[in-house]
PDB file of all heavy atoms in Angstrom:
ATOM      1  N   TRP A   1     106.570  -1.304  22.800  1.00  0.00           N
ATOM      2  CA  TRP A   1     105.995  -2.083  21.656  1.00  0.00           C
ATOM      3  C   TRP A   1     105.528  -1.094  20.582  1.00  0.00           C
ATOM      4  O   TRP A   1     104.844  -0.097  20.868  1.00  0.00           O
ATOM      5  CB  TRP A   1     104.808  -2.897  22.205  1.00  0.00           C
ATOM      6  CG  TRP A   1     105.298  -4.039  23.061  1.00  0.00           C
ATOM      7  CD1 TRP A   1     105.486  -4.016  24.405  1.00  0.00           C
ATOM      8  CD2 TRP A   1     105.550  -5.320  22.667  1.00  0.00           C
ATOM      9  NE1 TRP A   1     105.852  -5.239  24.848  1.00  0.00           N
ATOM     10  CE2 TRP A   1     105.972  -6.094  23.853  1.00  0.00           C
ATOM     11  CE3 TRP A   1     105.622  -5.995  21.449  1.00  0.00           C
ATOM     12  CZ2 TRP A   1     106.291  -7.404  23.771  1.00  0.00           C
ATOM     13  CZ3 TRP A   1     105.991  -7.378  21.417  1.00  0.00           C
ATOM     14  CH2 TRP A   1     106.331  -8.015  22.551  1.00  0.00           C
ATOM     15  N   VAL A   2     105.881  -1.376  19.341  1.00  0.00           N
ATOM     16  CA  VAL A   2     105.556  -0.455  18.267  1.00  0.00           C
ATOM     17  C   VAL A   2     105.017  -1.303  17.050  1.00  0.00           C
ATOM     18  O   VAL A   2     105.226  -2.435  17.006  1.00  0.00           O
ATOM     19  CB  VAL A   2     106.853   0.327  17.764  1.00  0.00           C
ATOM     20  CG1 VAL A   2     107.354   1.222  18.862  1.00  0.00           C
ATOM     21  CG2 VAL A   2     107.951  -0.619  17.175  1.00  0.00           C
ATOM     22  N   GLU A   3     104.310  -0.608  16.295  1.00  0.00           N
ATOM     23  CA  GLU A   3     103.760  -1.080  15.023  1.00  0.00           C
ATOM     24  C   GLU A   3     104.543  -0.439  13.890  1.00  0.00           C
ATOM     25  O   GLU A   3     104.751   0.775  13.867  1.00  0.00           O
ATOM     26  CB  GLU A   3     102.279  -0.809  14.880  1.00  0.00           C
ATOM     27  CG  GLU A   3     101.661  -1.251  13.589  1.00  0.00           C
ATOM     28  CD  GLU A   3     100.287  -0.739  13.442  1.00  0.00           C
ATOM     29  OE1 GLU A   3     100.045   0.505  13.206  1.00  0.00           O
ATOM     30  OE2 GLU A   3      99.306  -1.579  13.619  1.00  0.00           O
ATOM     31  N   ASP A   4     105.025  -1.244  12.906  1.00  0.00           N
ATOM     32  CA  ASP A   4     105.832  -0.730  11.857  1.00  0.00           C
ATOM     33  C   ASP A   4     105.211  -1.188  10.555  1.00  0.00           C
ATOM     34  O   ASP A   4     105.120  -2.391  10.279  1.00  0.00           O
ATOM     35  CB  ASP A   4     107.269  -1.271  11.986  1.00  0.00           C
ATOM     36  CG  ASP A   4     108.256  -0.611  11.067  1.00  0.00           C
ATOM     37  OD1 ASP A   4     107.836   0.081  10.082  1.00  0.00           O
ATOM     38  OD2 ASP A   4     109.495  -0.690  11.270  1.00  0.00           O
ATOM     39  N   ARG A   5     104.744  -0.209   9.718  1.00  0.00           N
ATOM     40  CA  ARG A   5     104.151  -0.625   8.503  1.00  0.00           C
ATOM     41  C   ARG A   5     104.564   0.379   7.411  1.00  0.00           C
ATOM     42  O   ARG A   5     104.761   1.603   7.666  1.00  0.00           O
ATOM     43  CB  ARG A   5     102.654  -0.649   8.563  1.00  0.00           C
ATOM     44  CG  ARG A   5     101.949   0.616   8.980  1.00  0.00           C
ATOM     45  CD  ARG A   5     100.450   0.564   8.819  1.00  0.00           C
ATOM     46  NE  ARG A   5      99.884  -0.429   9.745  1.00  0.00           N
ATOM     47  CZ  ARG A   5      98.595  -0.818   9.668  1.00  0.00           C
ATOM     48  NH1 ARG A   5      97.788  -0.347   8.783  1.00  0.00           N
ATOM     49  NH2 ARG A   5      98.181  -1.699  10.529  1.00  0.00           N
ATOM     50  N   GLY A   6     104.614  -0.132   6.142  1.00  0.00           N
ATOM     51  CA  GLY A   6     105.049   0.742   5.099  1.00  0.00           C
ATOM     52  C   GLY A   6     105.150   0.035   3.741  1.00  0.00           C
ATOM     53  O   GLY A   6     104.494  -0.978   3.488  1.00  0.00           O
ATOM     54  N   VAL A   7     106.019   0.657   2.914  1.00  0.00           N
ATOM     55  CA  VAL A   7     106.163   0.114   1.512  1.00  0.00           C
ATOM     56  C   VAL A   7     107.603   0.086   1.214  1.00  0.00           C
ATOM     57  O   VAL A   7     108.390   0.962   1.588  1.00  0.00           O
ATOM     58  CB  VAL A   7     105.387   1.040   0.535  1.00  0.00           C
ATOM     59  CG1 VAL A   7     105.844   2.458   0.583  1.00  0.00           C
ATOM     60  CG2 VAL A   7     105.454   0.480  -0.865  1.00  0.00           C
ATOM     61  N   CYS A   8     108.045  -0.948   0.463  1.00  0.00           N
ATOM     62  CA  CYS A   8     109.422  -0.991  -0.015  1.00  0.00           C
ATOM     63  C   CYS A   8     109.429  -0.915  -1.545  1.00  0.00           C
ATOM     64  O   CYS A   8     108.559  -1.516  -2.219  1.00  0.00           O
ATOM     65  CB  CYS A   8     110.120  -2.241   0.435  1.00  0.00           C
ATOM     66  SG  CYS A   8     109.317  -3.773   0.050  1.00  0.00           S
ATOM     67  N   HIS A   9     110.317  -0.121  -2.070  1.00  0.00           N
ATOM     68  CA  HIS A   9     110.448   0.155  -3.487  1.00  0.00           C
ATOM     69  C   HIS A   9     111.540  -0.784  -4.031  1.00  0.00           C
ATOM     70  O   HIS A   9     112.639  -0.864  -3.533  1.00  0.00           O
ATOM     71  CB  HIS A   9     110.870   1.605  -3.714  1.00  0.00           C
ATOM     72  CG  HIS A   9     109.887   2.575  -3.117  1.00  0.00           C
ATOM     73  ND1 HIS A   9     108.787   3.127  -3.873  1.00  0.00           N
ATOM     74  CD2 HIS A   9     109.735   3.152  -1.925  1.00  0.00           C
ATOM     75  CE1 HIS A   9     108.085   3.904  -3.130  1.00  0.00           C
ATOM     76  NE2 HIS A   9     108.650   3.964  -1.892  1.00  0.00           N
ATOM     77  N   LEU A  10     111.221  -1.440  -5.169  1.00  0.00           N
ATOM     78  CA  LEU A  10     112.119  -2.443  -5.729  1.00  0.00           C
ATOM     79  C   LEU A  10     112.690  -1.909  -7.054  1.00  0.00           C
ATOM     80  O   LEU A  10     111.894  -1.210  -7.870  1.00  0.00           O
ATOM     81  CB  LEU A  10     111.409  -3.759  -5.979  1.00  0.00           C
ATOM     82  CG  LEU A  10     110.696  -4.380  -4.784  1.00  0.00           C
ATOM     83  CD1 LEU A  10     109.942  -5.648  -5.252  1.00  0.00           C
ATOM     84  CD2 LEU A  10     111.636  -4.671  -3.679  1.00  0.00           C
ATOM     85  N   GLY A  11     113.861  -2.238  -7.330  1.00  0.00           N
ATOM     86  CA  GLY A  11     114.442  -1.934  -8.615  1.00  0.00           C
ATOM     87  C   GLY A  11     114.123  -2.899  -9.658  1.00  0.00           C
ATOM     88  O   GLY A  11     113.393  -3.975  -9.376  1.00  0.00           O
ATOM     89  N   GLU A  12     114.552  -2.768 -10.937  1.00  0.00           N
ATOM     90  CA  GLU A  12     114.260  -3.751 -11.947  1.00  0.00           C
ATOM     91  C   GLU A  12     114.764  -5.085 -11.724  1.00  0.00           C
ATOM     92  O   GLU A  12     114.166  -6.111 -12.152  1.00  0.00           O
ATOM     93  CB  GLU A  12     114.764  -3.220 -13.296  1.00  0.00           C
ATOM     94  CG  GLU A  12     114.074  -1.947 -13.781  1.00  0.00           C
ATOM     95  CD  GLU A  12     114.574  -1.452 -15.143  1.00  0.00           C
ATOM     96  OE1 GLU A  12     115.509  -2.155 -15.592  1.00  0.00           O
ATOM     97  OE2 GLU A  12     114.057  -0.477 -15.654  1.00  0.00           O
ATOM     98  N   ASP A  13     115.840  -5.168 -10.943  1.00  0.00           N
ATOM     99  CA  ASP A  13     116.451  -6.473 -10.593  1.00  0.00           C
ATOM    100  C   ASP A  13     115.816  -7.140  -9.359  1.00  0.00           C
ATOM    101  O   ASP A  13     116.236  -8.205  -8.893  1.00  0.00           O
ATOM    102  CB  ASP A  13     117.951  -6.367 -10.393  1.00  0.00           C
ATOM    103  CG  ASP A  13     118.307  -5.317  -9.324  1.00  0.00           C
ATOM    104  OD1 ASP A  13     117.379  -4.697  -8.712  1.00  0.00           O
ATOM    105  OD2 ASP A  13     119.506  -5.129  -9.027  1.00  0.00           O
ATOM    106  N   GLY A  14     114.821  -6.417  -8.787  1.00  0.00           N
ATOM    107  CA  GLY A  14     114.120  -6.988  -7.612  1.00  0.00           C
ATOM    108  C   GLY A  14     114.787  -6.652  -6.249  1.00  0.00           C
ATOM    109  O   GLY A  14     114.234  -6.915  -5.254  1.00  0.00           O
ATOM    110  N   ARG A  15     115.867  -5.890  -6.332  1.00  0.00           N
ATOM    111  CA  ARG A  15     116.522  -5.458  -5.145  1.00  0.00           C
ATOM    112  C   ARG A  15     115.807  -4.314  -4.540  1.00  0.00           C
ATOM    113  O   ARG A  15     115.163  -3.508  -5.184  1.00  0.00           O
ATOM    114  CB  ARG A  15     117.959  -5.117  -5.313  1.00  0.00           C
ATOM    115  CG  ARG A  15     118.848  -6.288  -5.752  1.00  0.00           C
ATOM    116  CD  ARG A  15     120.279  -5.817  -5.904  1.00  0.00           C
ATOM    117  NE  ARG A  15     121.150  -6.950  -6.336  1.00  0.00           N
ATOM    118  CZ  ARG A  15     122.440  -6.900  -6.495  1.00  0.00           C
ATOM    119  NH1 ARG A  15     123.081  -5.744  -6.279  1.00  0.00           N
ATOM    120  NH2 ARG A  15     123.146  -7.914  -6.881  1.00  0.00           N
ATOM    121  N   ILE A  16     115.858  -4.200  -3.138  1.00  0.00           N
ATOM    122  CA  ILE A  16     115.209  -3.137  -2.452  1.00  0.00           C
ATOM    123  C   ILE A  16     115.964  -1.843  -2.621  1.00  0.00           C
ATOM    124  O   ILE A  16     117.177  -1.791  -2.210  1.00  0.00           O
ATOM    125  CB  ILE A  16     115.013  -3.443  -0.987  1.00  0.00           C
ATOM    126  CG1 ILE A  16     114.131  -4.717  -0.810  1.00  0.00           C
ATOM    127  CG2 ILE A  16     114.368  -2.309  -0.252  1.00  0.00           C
ATOM    128  CD1 ILE A  16     114.015  -5.260   0.576  1.00  0.00           C
ATOM    129  N   ILE A  17     115.320  -0.742  -3.135  1.00  0.00           N
ATOM    130  CA  ILE A  17     115.976   0.493  -3.232  1.00  0.00           C
ATOM    131  C   ILE A  17     115.779   1.339  -2.042  1.00  0.00           C
ATOM    132  O   ILE A  17     116.736   1.982  -1.498  1.00  0.00           O
ATOM    133  CB  ILE A  17     115.443   1.260  -4.498  1.00  0.00           C
ATOM    134  CG1 ILE A  17     115.675   0.489  -5.759  1.00  0.00           C
ATOM    135  CG2 ILE A  17     116.013   2.660  -4.592  1.00  0.00           C
ATOM    136  CD1 ILE A  17     115.012   1.052  -7.008  1.00  0.00           C
ATOM    137  N   ALA A  18     114.547   1.341  -1.556  1.00  0.00           N
ATOM    138  CA  ALA A  18     114.232   2.167  -0.349  1.00  0.00           C
ATOM    139  C   ALA A  18     113.019   1.533   0.348  1.00  0.00           C
ATOM    140  O   ALA A  18     112.191   0.897  -0.232  1.00  0.00           O
ATOM    141  CB  ALA A  18     113.987   3.609  -0.662  1.00  0.00           C
ATOM    142  N   VAL A  19     112.942   1.856   1.637  1.00  0.00           N
ATOM    143  CA  VAL A  19     111.828   1.462   2.447  1.00  0.00           C
ATOM    144  C   VAL A  19     111.257   2.703   3.152  1.00  0.00           C
ATOM    145  O   VAL A  19     111.982   3.465   3.772  1.00  0.00           O
ATOM    146  CB  VAL A  19     112.175   0.402   3.546  1.00  0.00           C
ATOM    147  CG1 VAL A  19     110.988   0.011   4.377  1.00  0.00           C
ATOM    148  CG2 VAL A  19     112.756  -0.850   2.862  1.00  0.00           C
ATOM    149  N   GLU A  20     109.982   2.944   2.970  1.00  0.00           N
ATOM    150  CA  GLU A  20     109.370   4.111   3.619  1.00  0.00           C
ATOM    151  C   GLU A  20     108.213   3.599   4.464  1.00  0.00           C
ATOM    152  O   GLU A  20     107.399   2.733   3.937  1.00  0.00           O
ATOM    153  CB  GLU A  20     108.891   5.070   2.499  1.00  0.00           C
ATOM    154  CG  GLU A  20     109.989   5.673   1.711  1.00  0.00           C
ATOM    155  CD  GLU A  20     109.434   6.507   0.547  1.00  0.00           C
ATOM    156  OE1 GLU A  20     108.289   6.266   0.077  1.00  0.00           O
ATOM    157  OE2 GLU A  20     110.175   7.415   0.046  1.00  0.00           O
ATOM    158  N   GLY A  21     108.013   4.152   5.602  1.00  0.00           N
ATOM    159  CA  GLY A  21     106.939   3.696   6.420  1.00  0.00           C
ATOM    160  C   GLY A  21     106.683   4.603   7.657  1.00  0.00           C
ATOM    161  O   GLY A  21     107.260   5.730   7.731  1.00  0.00           O
ATOM    162  N   VAL A  22     105.882   4.061   8.588  1.00  0.00           N
ATOM    163  CA  VAL A  22     105.594   4.752   9.826  1.00  0.00           C
ATOM    164  C   VAL A  22     105.704   3.832  10.968  1.00  0.00           C
ATOM    165  O   VAL A  22     105.195   2.669  10.860  1.00  0.00           O
ATOM    166  CB  VAL A  22     104.068   5.309   9.709  1.00  0.00           C
ATOM    167  CG1 VAL A  22     103.704   5.928  11.103  1.00  0.00           C
ATOM    168  CG2 VAL A  22     103.948   6.281   8.634  1.00  0.00           C
ATOM    169  N   VAL A  23     106.360   4.299  12.017  1.00  0.00           N
ATOM    170  CA  VAL A  23     106.466   3.514  13.273  1.00  0.00           C
ATOM    171  C   VAL A  23     105.490   4.206  14.282  1.00  0.00           C
ATOM    172  O   VAL A  23     105.611   5.459  14.493  1.00  0.00           O
ATOM    173  CB  VAL A  23     107.929   3.531  13.831  1.00  0.00           C
ATOM    174  CG1 VAL A  23     107.909   2.932  15.204  1.00  0.00           C
ATOM    175  CG2 VAL A  23     108.759   2.764  12.916  1.00  0.00           C
ATOM    176  N   ARG A  24     104.632   3.463  14.886  1.00  0.00           N
ATOM    177  CA  ARG A  24     103.616   3.989  15.780  1.00  0.00           C
ATOM    178  C   ARG A  24     103.684   3.263  17.128  1.00  0.00           C
ATOM    179  O   ARG A  24     103.808   2.064  17.147  1.00  0.00           O
ATOM    180  CB  ARG A  24     102.223   3.806  15.182  1.00  0.00           C
ATOM    181  CG  ARG A  24     101.072   4.471  15.934  1.00  0.00           C
ATOM    182  CD  ARG A  24      99.815   4.492  15.161  1.00  0.00           C
ATOM    183  NE  ARG A  24      99.264   3.110  15.027  1.00  0.00           N
ATOM    184  CZ  ARG A  24      98.499   2.556  15.920  1.00  0.00           C
ATOM    185  NH1 ARG A  24      98.091   3.117  16.970  1.00  0.00           N
ATOM    186  NH2 ARG A  24      98.056   1.272  15.646  1.00  0.00           N
ATOM    187  N   ARG A  25     103.588   3.986  18.189  1.00  0.00           N
ATOM    188  CA  ARG A  25     103.606   3.375  19.490  1.00  0.00           C
ATOM    189  C   ARG A  25     102.356   2.607  19.781  1.00  0.00           C
ATOM    190  O   ARG A  25     101.274   3.012  19.443  1.00  0.00           O
ATOM    191  CB  ARG A  25     103.634   4.501  20.583  1.00  0.00           C
ATOM    192  CG  ARG A  25     105.071   4.993  20.854  1.00  0.00           C
ATOM    193  CD  ARG A  25     105.076   5.788  22.163  1.00  0.00           C
ATOM    194  NE  ARG A  25     106.433   6.178  22.478  1.00  0.00           N
ATOM    195  CZ  ARG A  25     106.849   6.441  23.741  1.00  0.00           C
ATOM    196  NH1 ARG A  25     106.002   6.404  24.758  1.00  0.00           N
ATOM    197  NH2 ARG A  25     108.169   6.844  23.985  1.00  0.00           N
ATOM    198  N   LEU A  26     102.536   1.418  20.387  1.00  0.00           N
ATOM    199  CA  LEU A  26     101.436   0.611  20.826  1.00  0.00           C
ATOM    200  C   LEU A  26     101.290   0.674  22.364  1.00  0.00           C
ATOM    201  O   LEU A  26     100.249   0.961  22.923  1.00  0.00           O
ATOM    202  CB  LEU A  26     101.547  -0.843  20.393  1.00  0.00           C
ATOM    203  CG  LEU A  26     101.426  -1.101  18.868  1.00  0.00           C
ATOM    204  CD1 LEU A  26     101.632  -2.582  18.613  1.00  0.00           C
ATOM    205  CD2 LEU A  26     100.096  -0.709  18.385  1.00  0.00           C
ATOM    206  N   SER A  27     102.394   0.336  23.026  1.00  0.00           N
ATOM    207  CA  SER A  27     102.344   0.328  24.506  1.00  0.00           C
ATOM    208  C   SER A  27     103.776   0.279  25.101  1.00  0.00           C
ATOM    209  O   SER A  27     104.760  -0.011  24.385  1.00  0.00           O
ATOM    210  CB  SER A  27     101.540  -0.847  25.055  1.00  0.00           C
ATOM    211  OG  SER A  27     102.204  -2.054  24.704  1.00  0.00           O
ATOM    212  N   ILE A  28     103.834   0.610  26.337  1.00  0.00           N
ATOM    213  CA  ILE A  28     105.059   0.459  27.086  1.00  0.00           C
ATOM    214  C   ILE A  28     104.798  -0.663  28.134  1.00  0.00           C
ATOM    215  O   ILE A  28     103.794  -0.678  28.810  1.00  0.00           O
ATOM    216  CB  ILE A  28     105.442   1.788  27.849  1.00  0.00           C
ATOM    217  CG1 ILE A  28     105.792   2.846  26.824  1.00  0.00           C
ATOM    218  CG2 ILE A  28     106.642   1.561  28.766  1.00  0.00           C
ATOM    219  CD1 ILE A  28     106.047   4.214  27.399  1.00  0.00           C
ATOM    220  N   GLY A  29     105.772  -1.514  28.286  1.00  0.00           N
ATOM    221  CA  GLY A  29     105.665  -2.579  29.289  1.00  0.00           C
ATOM    222  C   GLY A  29     105.186  -3.883  28.632  1.00  0.00           C
ATOM    223  O   GLY A  29     105.522  -4.114  27.445  1.00  0.00           O
ATOM    224  N   ARG A  30     104.419  -4.696  29.297  1.00  0.00           N
ATOM    225  CA  ARG A  30     104.057  -6.016  28.808  1.00  0.00           C
ATOM    226  C   ARG A  30     102.697  -5.882  28.057  1.00  0.00           C
ATOM    227  O   ARG A  30     101.719  -5.467  28.633  1.00  0.00           O
ATOM    228  CB  ARG A  30     103.933  -7.031  29.948  1.00  0.00           C
ATOM    229  CG  ARG A  30     105.136  -6.981  30.804  1.00  0.00           C
ATOM    230  CD  ARG A  30     105.065  -8.135  31.781  1.00  0.00           C
ATOM    231  NE  ARG A  30     105.276  -9.394  31.135  1.00  0.00           N
ATOM    232  CZ  ARG A  30     106.461  -9.890  30.824  1.00  0.00           C
ATOM    233  NH1 ARG A  30     107.528  -9.193  31.139  1.00  0.00           N
ATOM    234  NH2 ARG A  30     106.566 -11.040  30.248  1.00  0.00           N
ATOM    235  N   PRO A  31     102.600  -6.223  26.780  1.00  0.00           N
ATOM    236  CA  PRO A  31     101.409  -5.988  25.985  1.00  0.00           C
ATOM    237  C   PRO A  31     100.212  -6.866  26.460  1.00  0.00           C
ATOM    238  O   PRO A  31      99.098  -6.442  26.262  1.00  0.00           O
ATOM    239  CB  PRO A  31     101.845  -6.428  24.555  1.00  0.00           C
ATOM    240  CG  PRO A  31     102.892  -7.349  24.710  1.00  0.00           C
ATOM    241  CD  PRO A  31     103.694  -6.932  26.005  1.00  0.00           C
ATOM    242  N   ALA A  32     100.475  -8.027  27.006  1.00  0.00           N
ATOM    243  CA  ALA A  32      99.347  -8.925  27.331  1.00  0.00           C
ATOM    244  C   ALA A  32      98.885  -8.719  28.794  1.00  0.00           C
ATOM    245  O   ALA A  32      98.008  -9.443  29.229  1.00  0.00           O
ATOM    246  CB  ALA A  32      99.722 -10.352  27.097  1.00  0.00           C
ATOM    247  N   ARG A  33      99.427  -7.717  29.458  1.00  0.00           N
ATOM    248  CA  ARG A  33      99.032  -7.495  30.862  1.00  0.00           C
ATOM    249  C   ARG A  33      98.777  -6.012  31.058  1.00  0.00           C
ATOM    250  O   ARG A  33      99.416  -5.200  30.329  1.00  0.00           O
ATOM    251  CB  ARG A  33     100.202  -7.972  31.796  1.00  0.00           C
ATOM    252  CG  ARG A  33     100.434  -9.469  31.659  1.00  0.00           C
ATOM    253  CD  ARG A  33     101.778  -9.784  32.191  1.00  0.00           C
ATOM    254  NE  ARG A  33     102.069 -11.204  32.092  1.00  0.00           N
ATOM    255  CZ  ARG A  33     102.446 -11.782  30.886  1.00  0.00           C
ATOM    256  NH1 ARG A  33     102.586 -11.041  29.877  1.00  0.00           N
ATOM    257  NH2 ARG A  33     102.662 -13.041  30.851  1.00  0.00           N
ATOM    258  N   PRO A  34      98.011  -5.626  32.006  1.00  0.00           N
ATOM    259  CA  PRO A  34      97.749  -4.219  32.232  1.00  0.00           C
ATOM    260  C   PRO A  34      98.924  -3.554  32.988  1.00  0.00           C
ATOM    261  O   PRO A  34      98.828  -3.211  34.123  1.00  0.00           O
ATOM    262  CB  PRO A  34      96.502  -4.230  33.110  1.00  0.00           C
ATOM    263  CG  PRO A  34      96.559  -5.521  33.879  1.00  0.00           C
ATOM    264  CD  PRO A  34      97.235  -6.468  32.958  1.00  0.00           C
ATOM    265  N   ALA A  35     100.018  -3.382  32.252  1.00  0.00           N
ATOM    266  CA  ALA A  35     101.213  -2.868  32.897  1.00  0.00           C
ATOM    267  C   ALA A  35     101.565  -1.561  32.353  1.00  0.00           C
ATOM    268  O   ALA A  35     102.622  -1.320  31.686  1.00  0.00           O
ATOM    269  CB  ALA A  35     102.358  -3.860  32.698  1.00  0.00           C
ATOM    270  N   GLY A  36     100.802  -0.501  32.648  1.00  0.00           N
ATOM    271  CA  GLY A  36     101.094   0.821  32.184  1.00  0.00           C
ATOM    272  C   GLY A  36     100.606   1.093  30.809  1.00  0.00           C
ATOM    273  O   GLY A  36     101.431   1.173  29.859  1.00  0.00           O
ATOM    274  N   SER A  37      99.361   1.266  30.579  1.00  0.00           N
ATOM    275  CA  SER A  37      98.839   1.536  29.251  1.00  0.00           C
ATOM    276  C   SER A  37      99.175   2.926  28.768  1.00  0.00           C
ATOM    277  O   SER A  37      99.469   3.786  29.539  1.00  0.00           O
ATOM    278  CB  SER A  37      97.306   1.299  29.268  1.00  0.00           C
ATOM    279  OG  SER A  37      96.723   2.252  30.083  1.00  0.00           O
ATOM    280  N   LEU A  38      99.227   3.075  27.545  1.00  0.00           N
ATOM    281  CA  LEU A  38      99.637   4.399  26.982  1.00  0.00           C
ATOM    282  C   LEU A  38      98.478   4.849  26.101  1.00  0.00           C
ATOM    283  O   LEU A  38      98.103   4.253  25.047  1.00  0.00           O
ATOM    284  CB  LEU A  38     100.889   4.234  26.093  1.00  0.00           C
ATOM    285  CG  LEU A  38     101.398   5.493  25.467  1.00  0.00           C
ATOM    286  CD1 LEU A  38     101.950   6.402  26.558  1.00  0.00           C
ATOM    287  CD2 LEU A  38     102.484   5.199  24.409  1.00  0.00           C
ATOM    288  N   GLY A  39      97.872   5.992  26.457  1.00  0.00           N
ATOM    289  CA  GLY A  39      96.843   6.610  25.730  1.00  0.00           C
ATOM    290  C   GLY A  39      95.586   5.678  25.536  1.00  0.00           C
ATOM    291  O   GLY A  39      94.828   5.904  24.601  1.00  0.00           O
ATOM    292  N   GLY A  40      95.396   4.797  26.431  1.00  0.00           N
ATOM    293  CA  GLY A  40      94.189   3.998  26.462  1.00  0.00           C
ATOM    294  C   GLY A  40      94.179   2.895  25.375  1.00  0.00           C
ATOM    295  O   GLY A  40      93.152   2.254  25.183  1.00  0.00           O
ATOM    296  N   ILE A  41      95.283   2.658  24.608  1.00  0.00           N
ATOM    297  CA  ILE A  41      95.299   1.619  23.641  1.00  0.00           C
ATOM    298  C   ILE A  41      95.889   0.370  24.158  1.00  0.00           C
ATOM    299  O   ILE A  41      95.834  -0.681  23.413  1.00  0.00           O
ATOM    300  CB  ILE A  41      96.089   2.073  22.365  1.00  0.00           C
ATOM    301  CG1 ILE A  41      97.467   2.635  22.786  1.00  0.00           C
ATOM    302  CG2 ILE A  41      95.315   3.082  21.600  1.00  0.00           C
ATOM    303  CD1 ILE A  41      98.288   3.039  21.581  1.00  0.00           C
ATOM    304  N   GLU A  42      96.427   0.255  25.364  1.00  0.00           N
ATOM    305  CA  GLU A  42      96.881  -0.949  25.892  1.00  0.00           C
ATOM    306  C   GLU A  42      95.669  -1.869  26.205  1.00  0.00           C
ATOM    307  O   GLU A  42      94.796  -1.543  26.892  1.00  0.00           O
ATOM    308  CB  GLU A  42      97.652  -0.665  27.187  1.00  0.00           C
ATOM    309  CG  GLU A  42      97.986  -1.921  28.072  1.00  0.00           C
ATOM    310  CD  GLU A  42      99.015  -2.830  27.372  1.00  0.00           C
ATOM    311  OE1 GLU A  42      99.603  -2.379  26.352  1.00  0.00           O
ATOM    312  OE2 GLU A  42      99.235  -3.907  27.765  1.00  0.00           O
ATOM    313  N   PRO A  43      95.709  -3.092  25.618  1.00  0.00           N
ATOM    314  CA  PRO A  43      94.550  -4.011  25.896  1.00  0.00           C
ATOM    315  C   PRO A  43      94.523  -4.512  27.318  1.00  0.00           C
ATOM    316  O   PRO A  43      95.585  -4.751  27.876  1.00  0.00           O
ATOM    317  CB  PRO A  43      94.806  -5.160  24.912  1.00  0.00           C
ATOM    318  CG  PRO A  43      96.289  -5.135  24.703  1.00  0.00           C
ATOM    319  CD  PRO A  43      96.692  -3.650  24.795  1.00  0.00           C
ATOM    320  N   GLN A  44      93.364  -4.687  27.847  1.00  0.00           N
ATOM    321  CA  GLN A  44      93.199  -5.133  29.191  1.00  0.00           C
ATOM    322  C   GLN A  44      93.266  -6.630  29.192  1.00  0.00           C
ATOM    323  O   GLN A  44      92.850  -7.241  28.325  1.00  0.00           O
ATOM    324  CB  GLN A  44      91.857  -4.628  29.778  1.00  0.00           C
ATOM    325  CG  GLN A  44      91.711  -3.125  29.778  1.00  0.00           C
ATOM    326  CD  GLN A  44      92.767  -2.490  30.680  1.00  0.00           C
ATOM    327  OE1 GLN A  44      93.008  -2.909  31.851  1.00  0.00           O
ATOM    328  NE2 GLN A  44      93.461  -1.520  30.159  1.00  0.00           N
ATOM    329  N   SER A  45      93.886  -7.165  30.290  1.00  0.00           N
ATOM    330  CA  SER A  45      93.988  -8.648  30.364  1.00  0.00           C
ATOM    331  C   SER A  45      92.832  -9.350  31.020  1.00  0.00           C
ATOM    332  O   SER A  45      92.674 -10.525  30.898  1.00  0.00           O
ATOM    333  CB  SER A  45      95.267  -8.976  31.186  1.00  0.00           C
ATOM    334  OG  SER A  45      95.157  -8.502  32.464  1.00  0.00           O
ATOM    335  N   GLU A  46      91.926  -8.539  31.595  1.00  0.00           N
ATOM    336  CA  GLU A  46      90.847  -9.199  32.359  1.00  0.00           C
ATOM    337  C   GLU A  46      89.836  -9.832  31.354  1.00  0.00           C
ATOM    338  O   GLU A  46      89.585  -9.312  30.296  1.00  0.00           O
ATOM    339  CB  GLU A  46      90.077  -8.165  33.203  1.00  0.00           C
ATOM    340  CG  GLU A  46      91.012  -7.490  34.217  1.00  0.00           C
ATOM    341  CD  GLU A  46      91.525  -6.154  33.671  1.00  0.00           C
ATOM    342  OE1 GLU A  46      91.518  -6.038  32.399  1.00  0.00           O
ATOM    343  OE2 GLU A  46      92.071  -5.402  34.442  1.00  0.00           O
TER     344      GLU A  46
END
């Protein structure tokens, strides 16, 4: 599971020229269950 956020650059005609951003890890496995948290950021289900 990843988080993807950034900015898209538009031309004068409104078309997308480029998209720049950052992809960041959230967790491995099932996000709503304690199935192998990564770096302590996996939310606990209890």
